[in-house]
Structure formats: C-alpha cells, structure tokens
C-alpha cells in the first residue's frame, strides 16, 4: 500500500517538476524532519577525501553530507538524493540493498528514465556497483526533479 501511495505521489511531482540542481529554501526543513529518524552528520573527516558529496548507510542509518562554506545547489541536491535513499530503505527495509520505488521495468521506464540523460546513466553505471544502478539512477532523478518539500512529504509518507 505504501509503495503505491509513494509511487503515485512521486509520479505527480515528477511530471510537473523542472530538472536542475537548485538551492532549495526547504532543505533545512527536510533535514530537520529526517534528523529525528536518521543520524545526519556534516563534514566529518570522511569528507576530507573529496571523493563524494555525501552518502546514506542503511545498515547504520547514517547520512553524511559534505560541503565547504555556504551549501550550494549541488549540496542541496545531495540532501534530496540521500533522503531519497532513506525513503527507498523505508519502503523495502528487508531488502539486502536499496531498491527503487519504481520497481518494475515499466514504471521505471515511464517515471525515471525520461528525466535523465544517457550520459548521466553511463556515469552512474561506471561509478556504482551493478546492484545499485537502478536505486542510484532513481535517487539522482528524484533529487533533480523534486523540491525539498516534496522529498520531505515523501519521507513522511514512507517512513513515519
């Protein structure tokens, strides 16, 4: 039931949303909402490598966000992306790996793939292990097309 509700919510948002990284005034509210349920950390020594903007570890329920100075559009995008991974975890908590919300080939093709370029898909496939491709592609798309408020609403529906 929650998968269908969340999928319907995301479909409605994706069909109307523009695609580009953006500084989103709703990001602090999003992070405040998830902070009661996820161990959100900022700029730990793990960030010193400069290899990533952040991550979500489903085993430890930890989200790390890395940024320098005032968070920019990419940092806001990362917060939405990693929160989408939390949502994926909430919807499929017993899965061995994160699974996309749009979990059939038909829904993935209809609601995710039109919003990402072939070059971006190739970059994801080169940067992540095969078992993570669909979940990562979906998280990149949702972070790109949804606002922080829409991701926050999806989190509330899926995780609370």
C-alpha atoms as a PDB file:
ATOM      1  CA  UNK A   1       0.000   0.000   0.000  1.00  0.00           C
ATOM      2  CA  UNK A   2       2.732   2.499   0.963  1.00  0.00           C
ATOM      3  CA  UNK A   3       4.646   1.706  -2.256  1.00  0.00           C
ATOM      4  CA  UNK A   4       1.587   2.512  -4.350  1.00  0.00           C
ATOM      5  CA  UNK A   5       0.895   5.706  -2.405  1.00  0.00           C
ATOM      6  CA  UNK A   6       4.510   6.854  -2.612  1.00  0.00           C
ATOM      7  CA  UNK A   7       4.740   5.957  -6.299  1.00  0.00           C
ATOM      8  CA  UNK A   8       1.589   7.934  -7.059  1.00  0.00           C
ATOM      9  CA  UNK A   9       2.959  10.898  -5.101  1.00  0.00           C
ATOM     10  CA  UNK A  10       6.301  10.809  -6.889  1.00  0.00           C
ATOM     11  CA  UNK A  11       4.648  10.422 -10.293  1.00  0.00           C
ATOM     12  CA  UNK A  12       2.543  13.519  -9.692  1.00  0.00           C
ATOM     13  CA  UNK A  13       5.604  15.514  -8.666  1.00  0.00           C
ATOM     14  CA  UNK A  14       7.910  14.278 -11.420  1.00  0.00           C
ATOM     15  CA  UNK A  15       5.513  15.108 -14.220  1.00  0.00           C
ATOM     16  CA  UNK A  16       5.447  18.781 -13.270  1.00  0.00           C
ATOM     17  CA  UNK A  17       8.923  19.426 -11.898  1.00  0.00           C
ATOM     18  CA  UNK A  18      11.837  21.102 -13.697  1.00  0.00           C
ATOM     19  CA  UNK A  19      15.168  19.293 -13.887  1.00  0.00           C
ATOM     20  CA  UNK A  20      18.225  21.074 -12.488  1.00  0.00           C
ATOM     21  CA  UNK A  21      20.202  21.272  -9.262  1.00  0.00           C
ATOM     22  CA  UNK A  22      18.929  24.140  -7.177  1.00  0.00           C
ATOM     23  CA  UNK A  23      19.398  25.847  -3.857  1.00  0.00           C
ATOM     24  CA  UNK A  24      16.111  24.995  -2.188  1.00  0.00           C
ATOM     25  CA  UNK A  25      14.841  27.024   0.787  1.00  0.00           C
ATOM     26  CA  UNK A  26      13.069  23.882   2.036  1.00  0.00           C
ATOM     27  CA  UNK A  27      16.290  21.926   2.590  1.00  0.00           C
ATOM     28  CA  UNK A  28      16.705  22.918   6.271  1.00  0.00           C
ATOM     29  CA  UNK A  29      13.125  21.778   6.978  1.00  0.00           C
ATOM     30  CA  UNK A  30      13.774  18.499   5.150  1.00  0.00           C
ATOM     31  CA  UNK A  31      16.903  17.870   7.215  1.00  0.00           C
ATOM     32  CA  UNK A  32      15.111  18.788  10.449  1.00  0.00           C
ATOM     33  CA  UNK A  33      12.334  16.311   9.642  1.00  0.00           C
ATOM     34  CA  UNK A  34      14.664  13.408   8.905  1.00  0.00           C
ATOM     35  CA  UNK A  35      17.075  14.247  11.749  1.00  0.00           C
ATOM     36  CA  UNK A  36      14.753  12.669  14.315  1.00  0.00           C
ATOM     37  CA  UNK A  37      14.892   9.369  12.395  1.00  0.00           C
ATOM     38  CA  UNK A  38      18.295   9.343  10.683  1.00  0.00           C
ATOM     39  CA  UNK A  39      21.720  10.081  12.148  1.00  0.00           C
ATOM     40  CA  UNK A  40      22.572  13.102   9.970  1.00  0.00           C
ATOM     41  CA  UNK A  41      26.206  14.219  10.175  1.00  0.00           C
ATOM     42  CA  UNK A  42      28.010  17.049   8.424  1.00  0.00           C
ATOM     43  CA  UNK A  43      31.608  17.475   7.278  1.00  0.00           C
ATOM     44  CA  UNK A  44      33.238  14.693   9.256  1.00  0.00           C
ATOM     45  CA  UNK A  45      36.805  13.625   8.490  1.00  0.00           C
ATOM     46  CA  UNK A  46      35.340  11.158   5.947  1.00  0.00           C
ATOM     47  CA  UNK A  47      34.633  14.215   3.785  1.00  0.00           C
ATOM     48  CA  UNK A  48      38.316  15.138   3.633  1.00  0.00           C
ATOM     49  CA  UNK A  49      38.942  12.806   0.690  1.00  0.00           C
ATOM     50  CA  UNK A  50      36.754  14.970  -1.562  1.00  0.00           C
ATOM     51  CA  UNK A  51      35.555  11.809  -3.309  1.00  0.00           C
ATOM     52  CA  UNK A  52      31.847  12.316  -2.640  1.00  0.00           C
ATOM     53  CA  UNK A  53      29.243  14.888  -1.605  1.00  0.00           C
ATOM     54  CA  UNK A  54      27.571  12.579   0.880  1.00  0.00           C
ATOM     55  CA  UNK A  55      26.095   9.154   1.473  1.00  0.00           C
ATOM     56  CA  UNK A  56      23.404   7.228   3.291  1.00  0.00           C
ATOM     57  CA  UNK A  57      24.326   3.962   5.006  1.00  0.00           C
ATOM     58  CA  UNK A  58      21.201   1.884   5.517  1.00  0.00           C
ATOM     59  CA  UNK A  59      22.910  -0.515   7.947  1.00  0.00           C
ATOM     60  CA  UNK A  60      23.855   2.244  10.382  1.00  0.00           C
ATOM     61  CA  UNK A  61      21.016   4.628   9.397  1.00  0.00           C
ATOM     62  CA  UNK A  62      23.625   7.351   8.959  1.00  0.00           C
ATOM     63  CA  UNK A  63      23.591  10.152   6.418  1.00  0.00           C
ATOM     64  CA  UNK A  64      26.753  12.151   5.857  1.00  0.00           C
ATOM     65  CA  UNK A  65      26.653  15.451   3.983  1.00  0.00           C
ATOM     66  CA  UNK A  66      29.927  17.056   2.891  1.00  0.00           C
ATOM     67  CA  UNK A  67      30.225  20.678   1.830  1.00  0.00           C
ATOM     68  CA  UNK A  68      32.522  23.678   2.080  1.00  0.00           C
ATOM     69  CA  UNK A  69      31.355  27.139   3.076  1.00  0.00           C
ATOM     70  CA  UNK A  70      27.749  28.007   2.299  1.00  0.00           C
ATOM     71  CA  UNK A  71      25.909  24.988   0.856  1.00  0.00           C
ATOM     72  CA  UNK A  72      25.419  25.399  -2.903  1.00  0.00           C
ATOM     73  CA  UNK A  73      22.927  23.857  -5.350  1.00  0.00           C
ATOM     74  CA  UNK A  74      24.907  20.595  -5.505  1.00  0.00           C
ATOM     75  CA  UNK A  75      24.837  20.318  -1.705  1.00  0.00           C
ATOM     76  CA  UNK A  76      21.064  20.845  -1.630  1.00  0.00           C
ATOM     77  CA  UNK A  77      20.712  18.248  -4.393  1.00  0.00           C
ATOM     78  CA  UNK A  78      22.801  15.823  -2.330  1.00  0.00           C
ATOM     79  CA  UNK A  79      20.492  16.246   0.678  1.00  0.00           C
ATOM     80  CA  UNK A  80      17.467  15.396  -1.511  1.00  0.00           C
ATOM     81  CA  UNK A  81      19.333  12.477  -3.144  1.00  0.00           C
ATOM     82  CA  UNK A  82      20.434  10.902   0.119  1.00  0.00           C
ATOM     83  CA  UNK A  83      16.996  11.405   1.655  1.00  0.00           C
ATOM     84  CA  UNK A  84      15.529   9.544  -1.322  1.00  0.00           C
ATOM     85  CA  UNK A  85      17.796   6.630  -0.363  1.00  0.00           C
ATOM     86  CA  UNK A  86      16.301   6.770   3.138  1.00  0.00           C
ATOM     87  CA  UNK A  87      12.844   6.568   1.540  1.00  0.00           C
ATOM     88  CA  UNK A  88      13.943   3.582  -0.559  1.00  0.00           C
ATOM     89  CA  UNK A  89      15.094   1.908   2.638  1.00  0.00           C
ATOM     90  CA  UNK A  90      11.804   2.649   4.428  1.00  0.00           C
ATOM     91  CA  UNK A  91       9.782   1.165   1.569  1.00  0.00           C
ATOM     92  CA  UNK A  92      11.923  -2.005   1.342  1.00  0.00           C
ATOM     93  CA  UNK A  93      13.521  -2.381   4.789  1.00  0.00           C
ATOM     94  CA  UNK A  94      14.228  -6.098   4.426  1.00  0.00           C
ATOM     95  CA  UNK A  95      15.945  -5.876   1.052  1.00  0.00           C
ATOM     96  CA  UNK A  96      19.657  -6.648   1.046  1.00  0.00           C
ATOM     97  CA  UNK A  97      20.351  -3.494  -0.981  1.00  0.00           C
ATOM     98  CA  UNK A  98      18.450  -0.284  -1.657  1.00  0.00           C
ATOM     99  CA  UNK A  99      15.661  -0.830  -4.161  1.00  0.00           C
ATOM    100  CA  UNK A 100      13.995   1.768  -6.382  1.00  0.00           C
ATOM    101  CA  UNK A 101      10.444   2.846  -5.551  1.00  0.00           C
ATOM    102  CA  UNK A 102       9.596   2.454  -9.229  1.00  0.00           C
ATOM    103  CA  UNK A 103      10.457  -1.220  -9.070  1.00  0.00           C
ATOM    104  CA  UNK A 104       9.026  -2.648 -12.265  1.00  0.00           C
ATOM    105  CA  UNK A 105      10.648  -2.155 -15.660  1.00  0.00           C
ATOM    106  CA  UNK A 106       7.507  -0.403 -16.894  1.00  0.00           C
ATOM    107  CA  UNK A 107       7.243   2.137 -14.060  1.00  0.00           C
ATOM    108  CA  UNK A 108      10.996   2.750 -14.045  1.00  0.00           C
ATOM    109  CA  UNK A 109      10.997   3.357 -17.792  1.00  0.00           C
ATOM    110  CA  UNK A 110       7.978   5.654 -17.549  1.00  0.00           C
ATOM    111  CA  UNK A 111       8.714   7.665 -14.416  1.00  0.00           C
ATOM    112  CA  UNK A 112      12.504   7.707 -14.077  1.00  0.00           C
ATOM    113  CA  UNK A 113      14.345   7.270 -17.359  1.00  0.00           C
ATOM    114  CA  UNK A 114      12.751  10.215 -19.225  1.00  0.00           C
ATOM    115  CA  UNK A 115      14.290  12.577 -16.663  1.00  0.00           C
ATOM    116  CA  UNK A 116      17.928  11.562 -17.016  1.00  0.00           C
ATOM    117  CA  UNK A 117      20.317  11.693 -19.939  1.00  0.00           C
ATOM    118  CA  UNK A 118      22.079   8.669 -21.354  1.00  0.00           C
ATOM    119  CA  UNK A 119      25.419  10.230 -20.367  1.00  0.00           C
ATOM    120  CA  UNK A 120      24.272  10.573 -16.745  1.00  0.00           C
ATOM    121  CA  UNK A 121      23.113   6.948 -16.727  1.00  0.00           C
ATOM    122  CA  UNK A 122      26.514   5.854 -18.039  1.00  0.00           C
ATOM    123  CA  UNK A 123      28.290   7.903 -15.324  1.00  0.00           C
ATOM    124  CA  UNK A 124      26.179   6.265 -12.629  1.00  0.00           C
ATOM    125  CA  UNK A 125      26.757   2.808 -14.061  1.00  0.00           C
ATOM    126  CA  UNK A 126      30.508   3.430 -14.126  1.00  0.00           C
ATOM    127  CA  UNK A 127      30.574   4.849 -10.603  1.00  0.00           C
ATOM    128  CA  UNK A 128      28.408   2.364  -8.704  1.00  0.00           C
ATOM    129  CA  UNK A 129      28.203  -1.421  -8.451  1.00  0.00           C
ATOM    130  CA  UNK A 130      25.603  -3.081 -10.688  1.00  0.00           C
ATOM    131  CA  UNK A 131      23.247  -3.948  -7.817  1.00  0.00           C
ATOM    132  CA  UNK A 132      22.941  -0.210  -7.036  1.00  0.00           C
ATOM    133  CA  UNK A 133      22.326   1.134 -10.554  1.00  0.00           C
ATOM    134  CA  UNK A 134      18.528   1.454 -10.508  1.00  0.00           C
ATOM    135  CA  UNK A 135      18.342   2.815  -6.949  1.00  0.00           C
ATOM    136  CA  UNK A 136      21.061   5.381  -7.724  1.00  0.00           C
ATOM    137  CA  UNK A 137      19.516   6.422 -11.035  1.00  0.00           C
ATOM    138  CA  UNK A 138      16.151   6.893  -9.310  1.00  0.00           C
ATOM    139  CA  UNK A 139      17.695   8.896  -6.445  1.00  0.00           C
ATOM    140  CA  UNK A 140      19.545  11.157  -8.900  1.00  0.00           C
ATOM    141  CA  UNK A 141      16.323  11.790 -10.811  1.00  0.00           C
ATOM    142  CA  UNK A 142      14.174  12.418  -7.736  1.00  0.00           C
ATOM    143  CA  UNK A 143      16.767  14.793  -6.279  1.00  0.00           C
ATOM    144  CA  UNK A 144      16.831  16.624  -9.573  1.00  0.00           C
ATOM    145  CA  UNK A 145      13.106  16.968 -10.200  1.00  0.00           C
ATOM    146  CA  UNK A 146      11.536  17.150  -6.740  1.00  0.00           C
ATOM    147  CA  UNK A 147      11.734  20.032  -4.296  1.00  0.00           C
ATOM    148  CA  UNK A 148      12.964  19.528  -0.749  1.00  0.00           C
ATOM    149  CA  UNK A 149       9.371  19.895   0.429  1.00  0.00           C
ATOM    150  CA  UNK A 150       8.215  17.160  -1.957  1.00  0.00           C
ATOM    151  CA  UNK A 151      11.015  14.844  -0.800  1.00  0.00           C
ATOM    152  CA  UNK A 152      10.142  15.669   2.820  1.00  0.00           C
ATOM    153  CA  UNK A 153       6.476  14.793   2.165  1.00  0.00           C
ATOM    154  CA  UNK A 154       7.529  11.535   0.524  1.00  0.00           C
ATOM    155  CA  UNK A 155       9.731  10.760   3.542  1.00  0.00           C
ATOM    156  CA  UNK A 156       6.826  11.383   5.932  1.00  0.00           C
ATOM    157  CA  UNK A 157       4.541   9.106   3.891  1.00  0.00           C
ATOM    158  CA  UNK A 158       7.092   6.298   3.575  1.00  0.00           C
ATOM    159  CA  UNK A 159       8.967   6.416   6.857  1.00  0.00           C
ATOM    160  CA  UNK A 160       6.776   7.827   9.605  1.00  0.00           C
END
